[in-house]
Amino acid sequence: MNCPCCSGKTYEECCKPFHKGEKHAPTAEALMRSRFSAFAISNGKYLMETTSPSKRQFHNTKDLQQWGEINEWTNLEIVNKPSLSKVEFKAFYTDEDGQKQVHHELSKFKMIQNRWYYVSGEFLE
């Protein structure tokens, strides 16, 4: 199976080791890609685990899981990497009403004890 993050690699050699806890994403971009894949395969647990501990109170596993399940995640485009800890991307998906959507975001990540975490995202037009 091709990896949902659109890296061109198989899921087994790309995001699966991160999802299974065998490895941690080595860069902010790799974490962002693995989070997109987690939405695509509906892995809310991974999404919560890779959210910065200081920001987890603003999220919950059930909602993250449901957001993955109700949408069909079709493509990921990296738009820009303005710094080591920021990634601008477009996530393409079809919503529960069958409408094609684009989620355009500048995400911020933080390295905590040699592991990357998602901190926040700014929605872009």
N, C-alpha and C. Protein backbone atom coordinates (compact mmCIF):
# COMPACT_ATOMS: atom_id res chain seq x y z
N MET A 1 0.84 -1.18 0.00
CA MET A 1 0.00 0.00 0.00
C MET A 1 0.89 1.24 0.00
N ASN A 2 0.59 2.20 -0.88
CA ASN A 2 1.30 3.46 -0.88
C ASN A 2 0.98 4.23 0.40
N CYS A 3 1.96 4.94 0.92
CA CYS A 3 1.73 5.68 2.15
C CYS A 3 0.75 6.82 1.88
N PRO A 4 -0.24 7.00 2.74
CA PRO A 4 -1.21 8.08 2.56
C PRO A 4 -0.59 9.47 2.54
N CYS A 5 0.64 9.62 3.08
CA CYS A 5 1.25 10.95 3.17
C CYS A 5 1.83 11.43 1.85
N CYS A 6 1.70 10.61 0.81
CA CYS A 6 2.14 10.99 -0.55
C CYS A 6 3.65 11.14 -0.69
N SER A 7 4.41 10.40 0.12
CA SER A 7 5.87 10.45 0.06
C SER A 7 6.42 9.68 -1.13
N GLY A 8 5.60 8.79 -1.71
CA GLY A 8 6.07 7.93 -2.77
C GLY A 8 6.59 6.60 -2.26
N LYS A 9 6.64 6.45 -0.93
CA LYS A 9 7.11 5.20 -0.31
C LYS A 9 5.89 4.36 0.07
N THR A 10 6.16 3.11 0.43
CA THR A 10 5.08 2.28 0.95
C THR A 10 4.78 2.70 2.39
N TYR A 11 3.58 2.39 2.84
CA TYR A 11 3.20 2.71 4.22
C TYR A 11 4.15 2.02 5.20
N GLU A 12 4.53 0.78 4.91
CA GLU A 12 5.40 0.01 5.80
C GLU A 12 6.76 0.67 5.99
N GLU A 13 7.29 1.30 4.93
CA GLU A 13 8.61 1.92 5.04
C GLU A 13 8.55 3.41 5.35
N CYS A 14 7.36 3.95 5.48
CA CYS A 14 7.22 5.38 5.70
C CYS A 14 6.60 5.67 7.07
N CYS A 15 5.30 5.77 7.17
CA CYS A 15 4.63 6.22 8.40
C CYS A 15 4.28 5.11 9.39
N LYS A 16 4.17 3.87 8.93
CA LYS A 16 3.76 2.79 9.83
C LYS A 16 4.67 2.65 11.05
N PRO A 17 6.01 2.70 10.90
CA PRO A 17 6.85 2.58 12.09
C PRO A 17 6.59 3.68 13.13
N PHE A 18 6.20 4.86 12.69
CA PHE A 18 5.86 5.94 13.62
C PHE A 18 4.53 5.62 14.31
N HIS A 19 3.56 5.18 13.53
CA HIS A 19 2.24 4.86 14.08
C HIS A 19 2.31 3.71 15.09
N LYS A 20 3.21 2.76 14.85
CA LYS A 20 3.34 1.60 15.73
C LYS A 20 4.25 1.88 16.93
N GLY A 21 4.87 3.06 16.97
CA GLY A 21 5.76 3.40 18.08
C GLY A 21 7.14 2.78 17.97
N GLU A 22 7.48 2.24 16.79
CA GLU A 22 8.79 1.63 16.59
C GLU A 22 9.87 2.68 16.41
N LYS A 23 9.48 3.85 15.91
CA LYS A 23 10.39 4.98 15.67
C LYS A 23 9.62 6.26 15.97
N HIS A 24 10.38 7.35 16.13
CA HIS A 24 9.78 8.68 16.23
C HIS A 24 10.16 9.45 14.98
N ALA A 25 9.26 10.30 14.52
CA ALA A 25 9.53 11.10 13.33
C ALA A 25 10.79 11.94 13.54
N PRO A 26 11.74 11.89 12.60
CA PRO A 26 13.01 12.59 12.80
C PRO A 26 12.96 14.10 12.51
N THR A 27 11.91 14.56 11.84
CA THR A 27 11.79 15.99 11.52
C THR A 27 10.34 16.43 11.71
N ALA A 28 10.15 17.73 11.75
CA ALA A 28 8.79 18.27 11.85
C ALA A 28 7.97 17.85 10.63
N GLU A 29 8.59 17.89 9.44
CA GLU A 29 7.86 17.48 8.24
C GLU A 29 7.45 16.01 8.30
N ALA A 30 8.34 15.16 8.76
CA ALA A 30 8.02 13.73 8.88
C ALA A 30 6.87 13.52 9.86
N LEU A 31 6.87 14.29 10.96
CA LEU A 31 5.76 14.18 11.91
C LEU A 31 4.47 14.66 11.27
N MET A 32 4.53 15.78 10.56
CA MET A 32 3.33 16.29 9.90
C MET A 32 2.79 15.27 8.90
N ARG A 33 3.66 14.66 8.12
CA ARG A 33 3.24 13.64 7.16
C ARG A 33 2.61 12.44 7.88
N SER A 34 3.22 12.03 8.99
CA SER A 34 2.68 10.88 9.72
C SER A 34 1.34 11.21 10.35
N ARG A 35 1.13 12.46 10.71
CA ARG A 35 -0.17 12.87 11.26
C ARG A 35 -1.23 12.87 10.16
N PHE A 36 -0.87 13.33 8.96
CA PHE A 36 -1.81 13.25 7.84
C PHE A 36 -2.20 11.79 7.60
N SER A 37 -1.20 10.91 7.59
CA SER A 37 -1.49 9.49 7.40
C SER A 37 -2.38 8.96 8.52
N ALA A 38 -2.17 9.44 9.73
CA ALA A 38 -3.00 9.00 10.86
C ALA A 38 -4.45 9.43 10.67
N PHE A 39 -4.67 10.61 10.10
CA PHE A 39 -6.05 11.00 9.77
C PHE A 39 -6.60 10.06 8.70
N ALA A 40 -5.78 9.76 7.69
CA ALA A 40 -6.22 8.93 6.56
C ALA A 40 -6.61 7.52 6.99
N ILE A 41 -5.92 6.99 7.99
CA ILE A 41 -6.24 5.63 8.44
C ILE A 41 -7.02 5.64 9.76
N SER A 42 -7.43 6.80 10.20
CA SER A 42 -8.23 6.99 11.43
C SER A 42 -7.52 6.44 12.68
N ASN A 43 -6.38 7.05 12.98
CA ASN A 43 -5.59 6.67 14.15
C ASN A 43 -5.55 7.84 15.13
N GLY A 44 -6.66 8.06 15.81
CA GLY A 44 -6.77 9.17 16.76
C GLY A 44 -5.79 9.08 17.91
N LYS A 45 -5.46 7.87 18.33
CA LYS A 45 -4.52 7.68 19.43
C LYS A 45 -3.15 8.28 19.08
N TYR A 46 -2.67 8.01 17.87
CA TYR A 46 -1.38 8.56 17.44
C TYR A 46 -1.45 10.09 17.36
N LEU A 47 -2.56 10.59 16.86
CA LEU A 47 -2.70 12.05 16.75
C LEU A 47 -2.62 12.71 18.12
N MET A 48 -3.25 12.11 19.11
CA MET A 48 -3.19 12.66 20.46
C MET A 48 -1.79 12.53 21.04
N GLU A 49 -1.16 11.38 20.83
CA GLU A 49 0.19 11.15 21.37
C GLU A 49 1.23 12.10 20.78
N THR A 50 1.00 12.57 19.55
CA THR A 50 1.97 13.45 18.90
C THR A 50 1.60 14.93 19.01
N THR A 51 0.57 15.21 19.80
CA THR A 51 0.22 16.59 20.12
C THR A 51 1.02 16.98 21.36
N SER A 52 1.56 18.19 21.36
CA SER A 52 2.35 18.66 22.50
C SER A 52 1.59 18.45 23.81
N PRO A 53 2.23 17.88 24.81
CA PRO A 53 1.55 17.66 26.10
C PRO A 53 0.87 18.92 26.65
N SER A 54 1.46 20.09 26.41
CA SER A 54 0.87 21.34 26.92
C SER A 54 -0.38 21.75 26.15
N LYS A 55 -0.65 21.12 25.02
CA LYS A 55 -1.81 21.48 24.19
C LYS A 55 -2.89 20.41 24.16
N ARG A 56 -2.65 19.28 24.81
CA ARG A 56 -3.59 18.16 24.73
C ARG A 56 -4.96 18.47 25.33
N GLN A 57 -5.02 19.40 26.29
CA GLN A 57 -6.32 19.72 26.89
C GLN A 57 -7.27 20.34 25.88
N PHE A 58 -6.76 20.82 24.75
CA PHE A 58 -7.60 21.43 23.71
C PHE A 58 -8.08 20.42 22.68
N HIS A 59 -7.70 19.17 22.81
CA HIS A 59 -8.03 18.11 21.86
C HIS A 59 -8.53 16.89 22.61
N ASN A 60 -9.16 15.97 21.89
CA ASN A 60 -9.44 14.67 22.49
C ASN A 60 -9.37 13.59 21.41
N THR A 61 -9.01 12.42 21.85
CA THR A 61 -8.77 11.30 20.92
C THR A 61 -10.01 10.98 20.11
N LYS A 62 -11.17 10.99 20.74
CA LYS A 62 -12.41 10.64 20.05
C LYS A 62 -12.68 11.59 18.88
N ASP A 63 -12.54 12.90 19.09
CA ASP A 63 -12.77 13.88 18.02
C ASP A 63 -11.74 13.73 16.90
N LEU A 64 -10.48 13.51 17.26
CA LEU A 64 -9.44 13.32 16.25
C LEU A 64 -9.72 12.07 15.43
N GLN A 65 -10.13 11.01 16.10
CA GLN A 65 -10.49 9.76 15.42
C GLN A 65 -11.66 9.99 14.47
N GLN A 66 -12.68 10.67 14.95
CA GLN A 66 -13.88 10.91 14.15
C GLN A 66 -13.58 11.79 12.94
N TRP A 67 -12.73 12.80 13.10
CA TRP A 67 -12.36 13.69 11.97
C TRP A 67 -11.69 12.87 10.87
N GLY A 68 -10.89 11.88 11.27
CA GLY A 68 -10.27 11.00 10.29
C GLY A 68 -11.29 10.10 9.61
N GLU A 69 -12.22 9.58 10.38
CA GLU A 69 -13.20 8.62 9.85
C GLU A 69 -14.22 9.23 8.91
N ILE A 70 -14.69 10.44 9.20
CA ILE A 70 -15.78 11.02 8.40
C ILE A 70 -15.32 11.62 7.10
N ASN A 71 -14.00 11.80 6.94
CA ASN A 71 -13.46 12.38 5.72
C ASN A 71 -12.61 11.36 4.98
N GLU A 72 -12.55 11.51 3.67
CA GLU A 72 -11.65 10.68 2.86
C GLU A 72 -10.45 11.53 2.49
N TRP A 73 -9.31 11.23 3.09
CA TRP A 73 -8.08 12.01 2.93
C TRP A 73 -7.37 11.54 1.66
N THR A 74 -7.25 12.42 0.67
CA THR A 74 -6.82 11.99 -0.65
C THR A 74 -5.42 12.42 -1.07
N ASN A 75 -4.92 13.55 -0.56
CA ASN A 75 -3.62 14.03 -1.03
C ASN A 75 -3.02 15.00 -0.03
N LEU A 76 -1.71 15.01 0.02
CA LEU A 76 -0.98 15.95 0.86
C LEU A 76 0.05 16.66 0.01
N GLU A 77 0.08 17.97 0.12
CA GLU A 77 1.05 18.79 -0.61
C GLU A 77 1.81 19.65 0.40
N ILE A 78 3.14 19.50 0.41
CA ILE A 78 3.97 20.37 1.24
C ILE A 78 4.18 21.65 0.43
N VAL A 79 3.74 22.77 0.97
CA VAL A 79 3.83 24.04 0.26
C VAL A 79 5.14 24.73 0.56
N ASN A 80 5.53 24.73 1.84
CA ASN A 80 6.71 25.48 2.25
C ASN A 80 7.18 24.97 3.60
N LYS A 81 8.49 25.07 3.83
CA LYS A 81 9.06 24.76 5.14
C LYS A 81 9.86 25.99 5.57
N PRO A 82 9.18 26.99 6.16
CA PRO A 82 9.86 28.24 6.48
C PRO A 82 10.93 28.12 7.57
N SER A 83 10.89 27.07 8.36
CA SER A 83 11.91 26.86 9.39
C SER A 83 11.90 25.38 9.77
N LEU A 84 12.83 25.00 10.63
CA LEU A 84 12.90 23.62 11.10
C LEU A 84 11.65 23.18 11.82
N SER A 85 10.96 24.13 12.47
CA SER A 85 9.82 23.77 13.31
C SER A 85 8.46 24.19 12.72
N LYS A 86 8.44 24.61 11.47
CA LYS A 86 7.18 25.01 10.83
C LYS A 86 7.06 24.34 9.46
N VAL A 87 5.84 23.91 9.15
CA VAL A 87 5.56 23.30 7.84
C VAL A 87 4.23 23.84 7.34
N GLU A 88 4.23 24.37 6.14
CA GLU A 88 2.99 24.80 5.49
C GLU A 88 2.57 23.69 4.54
N PHE A 89 1.31 23.30 4.64
CA PHE A 89 0.83 22.20 3.81
C PHE A 89 -0.62 22.42 3.39
N LYS A 90 -1.02 21.64 2.39
CA LYS A 90 -2.41 21.55 1.97
C LYS A 90 -2.80 20.08 2.05
N ALA A 91 -3.85 19.81 2.82
CA ALA A 91 -4.40 18.47 2.93
C ALA A 91 -5.71 18.44 2.16
N PHE A 92 -5.78 17.59 1.18
CA PHE A 92 -6.97 17.48 0.34
C PHE A 92 -7.82 16.32 0.83
N TYR A 93 -9.12 16.55 0.92
CA TYR A 93 -10.01 15.50 1.39
C TYR A 93 -11.41 15.72 0.85
N THR A 94 -12.21 14.66 0.93
CA THR A 94 -13.62 14.73 0.58
C THR A 94 -14.38 14.60 1.89
N ASP A 95 -15.25 15.58 2.17
CA ASP A 95 -15.96 15.57 3.45
C ASP A 95 -17.13 14.60 3.44
N GLU A 96 -17.82 14.52 4.57
CA GLU A 96 -18.91 13.54 4.72
C GLU A 96 -20.08 13.80 3.79
N ASP A 97 -20.16 15.02 3.21
CA ASP A 97 -21.21 15.34 2.25
C ASP A 97 -20.77 15.13 0.80
N GLY A 98 -19.55 14.58 0.63
CA GLY A 98 -19.04 14.33 -0.72
C GLY A 98 -18.41 15.54 -1.39
N GLN A 99 -18.21 16.61 -0.61
CA GLN A 99 -17.62 17.83 -1.15
C GLN A 99 -16.10 17.79 -1.01
N LYS A 100 -15.40 18.17 -2.08
CA LYS A 100 -13.93 18.23 -2.03
C LYS A 100 -13.52 19.46 -1.24
N GLN A 101 -12.56 19.26 -0.35
CA GLN A 101 -12.09 20.33 0.54
C GLN A 101 -10.56 20.38 0.54
N VAL A 102 -10.04 21.55 0.93
CA VAL A 102 -8.60 21.71 1.12
C VAL A 102 -8.38 22.36 2.48
N HIS A 103 -7.58 21.71 3.29
CA HIS A 103 -7.19 22.26 4.59
C HIS A 103 -5.77 22.80 4.42
N HIS A 104 -5.64 24.14 4.39
CA HIS A 104 -4.35 24.80 4.18
C HIS A 104 -3.89 25.35 5.52
N GLU A 105 -2.74 24.92 5.99
CA GLU A 105 -2.31 25.26 7.34
C GLU A 105 -0.80 25.48 7.40
N LEU A 106 -0.41 26.39 8.28
CA LEU A 106 0.98 26.53 8.68
C LEU A 106 1.06 25.96 10.09
N SER A 107 1.67 24.79 10.21
CA SER A 107 1.75 24.09 11.50
C SER A 107 3.06 24.41 12.20
N LYS A 108 2.96 24.48 13.52
CA LYS A 108 4.14 24.70 14.36
C LYS A 108 4.39 23.42 15.17
N PHE A 109 5.65 23.03 15.24
CA PHE A 109 6.07 21.83 15.94
C PHE A 109 7.17 22.20 16.94
N LYS A 110 7.34 21.34 17.93
CA LYS A 110 8.36 21.58 18.95
C LYS A 110 9.04 20.27 19.30
N MET A 111 10.36 20.33 19.44
CA MET A 111 11.14 19.18 19.87
C MET A 111 11.16 19.18 21.40
N ILE A 112 10.68 18.08 21.99
CA ILE A 112 10.68 17.91 23.44
C ILE A 112 11.34 16.56 23.73
N GLN A 113 12.43 16.57 24.46
CA GLN A 113 13.17 15.35 24.79
C GLN A 113 13.41 14.48 23.55
N ASN A 114 13.99 15.08 22.54
CA ASN A 114 14.37 14.40 21.29
C ASN A 114 13.20 13.81 20.52
N ARG A 115 12.02 14.38 20.69
CA ARG A 115 10.85 13.92 19.95
C ARG A 115 10.04 15.12 19.49
N TRP A 116 9.60 15.11 18.22
CA TRP A 116 8.79 16.19 17.68
C TRP A 116 7.33 16.04 18.09
N TYR A 117 6.69 17.19 18.36
CA TYR A 117 5.27 17.24 18.69
C TYR A 117 4.60 18.37 17.92
N TYR A 118 3.33 18.17 17.57
CA TYR A 118 2.52 19.22 16.97
C TYR A 118 2.10 20.17 18.08
N VAL A 119 2.27 21.48 17.85
CA VAL A 119 1.90 22.49 18.85
C VAL A 119 0.62 23.22 18.45
N SER A 120 0.62 23.77 17.23
CA SER A 120 -0.55 24.53 16.80
C SER A 120 -0.51 24.72 15.29
N GLY A 121 -1.63 25.20 14.76
CA GLY A 121 -1.71 25.46 13.34
C GLY A 121 -2.48 26.72 13.05
N GLU A 122 -2.00 27.45 12.04
CA GLU A 122 -2.69 28.66 11.59
C GLU A 122 -3.32 28.33 10.24
N PHE A 123 -4.64 28.47 10.17
CA PHE A 123 -5.35 28.20 8.91
C PHE A 123 -5.05 29.31 7.91
N LEU A 124 -4.77 28.92 6.69
CA LEU A 124 -4.45 29.86 5.62
C LEU A 124 -5.52 29.76 4.54
N GLU A 125 -5.72 30.85 3.83
CA GLU A 125 -6.71 30.88 2.75
C GLU A 125 -6.17 30.19 1.51
